[in-house]
Amino acid sequence: MSSEDLENYETDAELALYREYRDVVGLFQYVVETERRFYLCNKVDLQVKASGGDVYFEVTMSDAWVWDVYRSARLVKHVRVVTFKDVNIEELAQDDSMPDIRQLRAR
């Protein structure tokens, strides 16, 4: 396999992952970003823990989808992440709750 073949394979895999993300994002309520992964999930719990002088985060998620091009199965029933790095959690807006941009501009 040439380096060009490998590069094309990786590009195709990333494009397929993006398309899968686009197809499933509407099924989830939260976006969770850690230093290693990006998740979509319907339930998330963040706990701040202390051990000695260190602070770390324990994130548990249910019904999750994992952004990882190398995973064959990206849907996961339960995920637990322990990290010393930042964690970002955002609630996704539902399409029907978003105002029409034309209405906002008219104000």
N, C-alpha and C. Protein backbone atom coordinates (compact mmCIF):
# COMPACT_ATOMS: atom_id res chain seq x y z
N MET A 1 0.85 -1.17 0.00
CA MET A 1 0.00 0.00 0.00
C MET A 1 0.90 1.23 0.00
N SER A 2 0.67 2.12 -0.92
CA SER A 2 1.49 3.33 -1.02
C SER A 2 1.03 4.36 0.01
N SER A 3 1.84 5.36 0.22
CA SER A 3 1.47 6.43 1.16
C SER A 3 0.25 7.19 0.64
N GLU A 4 0.13 7.31 -0.67
CA GLU A 4 -1.04 7.98 -1.24
C GLU A 4 -2.31 7.17 -1.00
N ASP A 5 -2.21 5.83 -1.12
CA ASP A 5 -3.36 4.96 -0.83
C ASP A 5 -3.78 5.09 0.63
N LEU A 6 -2.80 5.12 1.52
CA LEU A 6 -3.08 5.26 2.94
C LEU A 6 -3.73 6.61 3.24
N GLU A 7 -3.22 7.65 2.62
CA GLU A 7 -3.79 8.99 2.81
C GLU A 7 -5.23 9.04 2.30
N ASN A 8 -5.49 8.43 1.15
CA ASN A 8 -6.85 8.39 0.61
C ASN A 8 -7.78 7.60 1.52
N TYR A 9 -7.29 6.49 2.07
CA TYR A 9 -8.09 5.68 2.99
C TYR A 9 -8.47 6.50 4.22
N GLU A 10 -7.50 7.20 4.80
CA GLU A 10 -7.76 8.02 6.00
C GLU A 10 -8.73 9.15 5.69
N THR A 11 -8.58 9.78 4.54
CA THR A 11 -9.49 10.86 4.15
C THR A 11 -10.91 10.33 3.99
N ASP A 12 -11.06 9.17 3.33
CA ASP A 12 -12.37 8.56 3.17
C ASP A 12 -12.99 8.18 4.51
N ALA A 13 -12.18 7.66 5.43
CA ALA A 13 -12.67 7.29 6.76
C ALA A 13 -13.14 8.51 7.54
N GLU A 14 -12.40 9.61 7.45
CA GLU A 14 -12.79 10.84 8.15
C GLU A 14 -14.07 11.42 7.56
N LEU A 15 -14.21 11.37 6.25
CA LEU A 15 -15.43 11.86 5.60
C LEU A 15 -16.63 11.00 6.01
N ALA A 16 -16.45 9.69 6.06
CA ALA A 16 -17.53 8.80 6.50
C ALA A 16 -17.92 9.08 7.95
N LEU A 17 -16.94 9.35 8.79
CA LEU A 17 -17.21 9.68 10.19
C LEU A 17 -17.99 10.97 10.30
N TYR A 18 -17.61 11.99 9.54
CA TYR A 18 -18.35 13.25 9.55
C TYR A 18 -19.79 13.04 9.11
N ARG A 19 -19.98 12.25 8.06
CA ARG A 19 -21.35 11.99 7.57
C ARG A 19 -22.18 11.26 8.61
N GLU A 20 -21.55 10.31 9.31
CA GLU A 20 -22.25 9.61 10.39
C GLU A 20 -22.63 10.58 11.50
N TYR A 21 -21.71 11.46 11.88
CA TYR A 21 -21.98 12.48 12.89
C TYR A 21 -23.17 13.33 12.48
N ARG A 22 -23.16 13.79 11.25
CA ARG A 22 -24.25 14.64 10.74
C ARG A 22 -25.59 13.91 10.81
N ASP A 23 -25.57 12.61 10.58
CA ASP A 23 -26.80 11.82 10.61
C ASP A 23 -27.32 11.57 12.02
N VAL A 24 -26.44 11.48 13.01
CA VAL A 24 -26.87 11.10 14.36
C VAL A 24 -26.97 12.27 15.34
N VAL A 25 -26.40 13.42 15.03
CA VAL A 25 -26.33 14.51 16.00
C VAL A 25 -27.72 14.91 16.52
N GLY A 26 -28.74 14.83 15.70
CA GLY A 26 -30.09 15.18 16.12
C GLY A 26 -30.70 14.23 17.13
N LEU A 27 -30.08 13.08 17.35
CA LEU A 27 -30.59 12.09 18.30
C LEU A 27 -30.12 12.33 19.73
N PHE A 28 -29.21 13.28 19.90
CA PHE A 28 -28.57 13.46 21.20
C PHE A 28 -28.83 14.84 21.79
N GLN A 29 -28.71 14.92 23.12
CA GLN A 29 -29.00 16.15 23.85
C GLN A 29 -27.74 16.93 24.24
N TYR A 30 -26.62 16.25 24.40
CA TYR A 30 -25.40 16.91 24.88
C TYR A 30 -24.20 16.60 23.99
N VAL A 31 -23.28 17.56 23.97
CA VAL A 31 -21.96 17.39 23.38
C VAL A 31 -20.97 17.46 24.53
N VAL A 32 -20.08 16.47 24.62
CA VAL A 32 -19.07 16.44 25.67
C VAL A 32 -17.72 16.34 24.98
N GLU A 33 -16.82 17.25 25.35
CA GLU A 33 -15.48 17.26 24.77
C GLU A 33 -14.46 17.12 25.88
N THR A 34 -13.59 16.12 25.74
CA THR A 34 -12.47 15.93 26.66
C THR A 34 -11.18 16.13 25.86
N GLU A 35 -10.04 15.98 26.51
CA GLU A 35 -8.78 16.19 25.79
C GLU A 35 -8.53 15.09 24.77
N ARG A 36 -9.19 13.95 24.91
CA ARG A 36 -8.93 12.82 23.99
C ARG A 36 -10.07 12.51 23.05
N ARG A 37 -11.30 12.83 23.43
CA ARG A 37 -12.45 12.41 22.64
C ARG A 37 -13.53 13.49 22.59
N PHE A 38 -14.44 13.28 21.65
CA PHE A 38 -15.62 14.11 21.46
C PHE A 38 -16.80 13.15 21.49
N TYR A 39 -17.81 13.45 22.31
CA TYR A 39 -18.95 12.56 22.48
C TYR A 39 -20.25 13.30 22.24
N LEU A 40 -21.24 12.57 21.79
CA LEU A 40 -22.63 13.00 21.82
C LEU A 40 -23.31 12.05 22.80
N CYS A 41 -24.21 12.57 23.64
CA CYS A 41 -24.89 11.68 24.58
C CYS A 41 -26.22 12.28 24.99
N ASN A 42 -27.04 11.45 25.65
CA ASN A 42 -28.34 11.90 26.13
C ASN A 42 -28.37 12.13 27.63
N LYS A 43 -27.36 11.64 28.33
CA LYS A 43 -27.28 11.86 29.78
C LYS A 43 -25.82 12.02 30.13
N VAL A 44 -25.51 13.04 30.93
CA VAL A 44 -24.12 13.27 31.32
C VAL A 44 -24.09 13.74 32.77
N ASP A 45 -23.08 13.28 33.50
CA ASP A 45 -22.88 13.69 34.89
C ASP A 45 -21.39 14.00 35.06
N LEU A 46 -21.09 15.20 35.56
CA LEU A 46 -19.72 15.63 35.80
C LEU A 46 -19.50 15.76 37.30
N GLN A 47 -18.49 15.07 37.80
CA GLN A 47 -18.12 15.16 39.21
C GLN A 47 -16.69 15.68 39.31
N VAL A 48 -16.49 16.68 40.15
CA VAL A 48 -15.15 17.19 40.41
C VAL A 48 -14.64 16.49 41.66
N LYS A 49 -13.49 15.85 41.54
CA LYS A 49 -12.94 15.05 42.65
C LYS A 49 -11.58 15.61 43.05
N ALA A 50 -11.22 15.39 44.30
CA ALA A 50 -9.91 15.81 44.79
C ALA A 50 -9.21 14.60 45.40
N SER A 51 -7.92 14.50 45.10
CA SER A 51 -7.11 13.43 45.66
C SER A 51 -5.78 14.04 46.05
N GLY A 52 -5.56 14.17 47.34
CA GLY A 52 -4.36 14.87 47.80
C GLY A 52 -4.47 16.33 47.38
N GLY A 53 -3.50 16.83 46.66
CA GLY A 53 -3.55 18.20 46.18
C GLY A 53 -4.04 18.32 44.75
N ASP A 54 -4.39 17.19 44.13
CA ASP A 54 -4.82 17.19 42.73
C ASP A 54 -6.34 17.21 42.61
N VAL A 55 -6.81 17.89 41.58
CA VAL A 55 -8.23 17.91 41.25
C VAL A 55 -8.38 17.22 39.90
N TYR A 56 -9.39 16.34 39.80
CA TYR A 56 -9.66 15.68 38.53
C TYR A 56 -11.16 15.62 38.30
N PHE A 57 -11.54 15.26 37.09
CA PHE A 57 -12.94 15.23 36.70
C PHE A 57 -13.33 13.80 36.35
N GLU A 58 -14.50 13.40 36.82
CA GLU A 58 -15.07 12.12 36.44
C GLU A 58 -16.36 12.39 35.70
N VAL A 59 -16.41 11.98 34.44
CA VAL A 59 -17.57 12.22 33.58
C VAL A 59 -18.18 10.87 33.25
N THR A 60 -19.48 10.73 33.52
CA THR A 60 -20.19 9.53 33.11
C THR A 60 -21.27 9.93 32.12
N MET A 61 -21.40 9.12 31.07
CA MET A 61 -22.37 9.39 30.02
C MET A 61 -23.14 8.12 29.70
N SER A 62 -24.40 8.31 29.30
CA SER A 62 -25.22 7.18 28.87
C SER A 62 -25.71 7.43 27.46
N ASP A 63 -25.91 6.36 26.73
CA ASP A 63 -26.37 6.42 25.35
C ASP A 63 -25.52 7.40 24.55
N ALA A 64 -24.27 7.04 24.36
CA ALA A 64 -23.29 7.94 23.76
C ALA A 64 -22.86 7.49 22.37
N TRP A 65 -22.41 8.46 21.60
CA TRP A 65 -21.77 8.24 20.31
C TRP A 65 -20.39 8.87 20.41
N VAL A 66 -19.35 8.14 19.99
CA VAL A 66 -17.97 8.58 20.15
C VAL A 66 -17.40 8.97 18.80
N TRP A 67 -16.82 10.18 18.73
CA TRP A 67 -16.14 10.62 17.52
C TRP A 67 -14.75 9.99 17.54
N ASP A 68 -14.59 8.89 16.87
CA ASP A 68 -13.30 8.20 16.80
C ASP A 68 -13.26 7.41 15.51
N VAL A 69 -12.45 7.84 14.59
CA VAL A 69 -12.38 7.24 13.27
C VAL A 69 -11.93 5.79 13.32
N TYR A 70 -11.21 5.39 14.37
CA TYR A 70 -10.66 4.05 14.45
C TYR A 70 -11.56 3.05 15.17
N ARG A 71 -12.69 3.49 15.70
CA ARG A 71 -13.62 2.58 16.37
C ARG A 71 -14.59 2.00 15.35
N SER A 72 -14.81 0.72 15.41
CA SER A 72 -15.79 0.11 14.50
C SER A 72 -17.22 0.31 15.03
N ALA A 73 -17.38 0.35 16.34
CA ALA A 73 -18.69 0.58 16.96
C ALA A 73 -18.62 1.87 17.76
N ARG A 74 -19.29 2.89 17.28
CA ARG A 74 -19.20 4.20 17.94
C ARG A 74 -20.34 4.44 18.92
N LEU A 75 -21.40 3.66 18.86
CA LEU A 75 -22.50 3.80 19.82
C LEU A 75 -22.15 3.01 21.08
N VAL A 76 -22.21 3.69 22.22
CA VAL A 76 -21.80 3.08 23.49
C VAL A 76 -22.92 3.29 24.51
N LYS A 77 -23.27 2.25 25.24
CA LYS A 77 -24.35 2.35 26.24
C LYS A 77 -23.92 3.19 27.44
N HIS A 78 -22.69 3.01 27.91
CA HIS A 78 -22.23 3.71 29.12
C HIS A 78 -20.74 4.03 28.96
N VAL A 79 -20.39 5.28 29.28
CA VAL A 79 -18.99 5.73 29.18
C VAL A 79 -18.60 6.39 30.49
N ARG A 80 -17.39 6.11 30.94
CA ARG A 80 -16.82 6.78 32.12
C ARG A 80 -15.45 7.29 31.73
N VAL A 81 -15.24 8.59 31.93
CA VAL A 81 -13.97 9.23 31.60
C VAL A 81 -13.43 9.88 32.87
N VAL A 82 -12.16 9.63 33.17
CA VAL A 82 -11.48 10.29 34.29
C VAL A 82 -10.33 11.08 33.68
N THR A 83 -10.28 12.39 33.99
CA THR A 83 -9.27 13.24 33.37
C THR A 83 -8.85 14.36 34.31
N PHE A 84 -7.62 14.79 34.16
CA PHE A 84 -7.11 15.95 34.88
C PHE A 84 -7.24 17.21 34.03
N LYS A 85 -7.63 17.05 32.78
CA LYS A 85 -7.75 18.18 31.84
C LYS A 85 -9.18 18.71 31.84
N ASP A 86 -9.36 19.82 31.13
CA ASP A 86 -10.68 20.45 31.02
C ASP A 86 -11.69 19.54 30.35
N VAL A 87 -12.94 19.71 30.74
CA VAL A 87 -14.08 19.02 30.13
C VAL A 87 -15.09 20.08 29.74
N ASN A 88 -15.58 20.01 28.52
CA ASN A 88 -16.57 20.95 28.03
C ASN A 88 -17.87 20.19 27.77
N ILE A 89 -18.97 20.66 28.37
CA ILE A 89 -20.28 20.05 28.17
C ILE A 89 -21.22 21.12 27.67
N GLU A 90 -21.88 20.84 26.56
CA GLU A 90 -22.85 21.77 25.99
C GLU A 90 -24.15 21.05 25.72
N GLU A 91 -25.25 21.72 26.00
CA GLU A 91 -26.55 21.16 25.66
C GLU A 91 -26.89 21.61 24.26
N LEU A 92 -27.26 20.66 23.43
CA LEU A 92 -27.60 20.97 22.05
C LEU A 92 -28.99 21.60 21.98
N ALA A 93 -29.14 22.59 21.14
CA ALA A 93 -30.44 23.22 20.93
C ALA A 93 -31.28 22.31 20.05
N GLN A 94 -32.55 22.24 20.35
CA GLN A 94 -33.47 21.48 19.51
C GLN A 94 -33.89 22.36 18.34
N ASP A 95 -34.01 21.78 17.17
CA ASP A 95 -34.33 22.55 15.96
C ASP A 95 -35.58 23.40 16.12
N ASP A 96 -36.61 22.87 16.76
CA ASP A 96 -37.86 23.63 16.87
C ASP A 96 -37.76 24.78 17.87
N SER A 97 -36.75 24.80 18.72
CA SER A 97 -36.61 25.89 19.69
C SER A 97 -35.73 27.03 19.17
N MET A 98 -35.06 26.81 18.05
CA MET A 98 -34.18 27.84 17.50
C MET A 98 -35.00 28.85 16.73
N PRO A 99 -34.81 30.15 17.00
CA PRO A 99 -35.55 31.16 16.25
C PRO A 99 -35.05 31.23 14.81
N ASP A 100 -35.92 31.64 13.94
CA ASP A 100 -35.57 31.84 12.54
C ASP A 100 -34.68 33.07 12.45
N ILE A 101 -33.55 32.96 11.76
CA ILE A 101 -32.60 34.07 11.66
C ILE A 101 -33.24 35.31 11.04
N ARG A 102 -34.19 35.12 10.14
CA ARG A 102 -34.87 36.28 9.52
C ARG A 102 -35.68 37.04 10.55
N GLN A 103 -36.25 36.33 11.54
CA GLN A 103 -37.01 37.00 12.59
C GLN A 103 -36.07 37.82 13.49
N LEU A 104 -34.90 37.31 13.76
CA LEU A 104 -33.94 38.03 14.60
C LEU A 104 -33.46 39.31 13.90
N ARG A 105 -33.20 39.23 12.62
CA ARG A 105 -32.72 40.40 11.88
C ARG A 105 -33.78 41.48 11.78
N ALA A 106 -35.05 41.10 11.82
CA ALA A 106 -36.14 42.09 11.69
C ALA A 106 -36.32 42.92 12.95
N ARG A 107 -35.75 42.50 14.05
CA ARG A 107 -35.94 43.21 15.33
C ARG A 107 -35.17 44.50 15.37
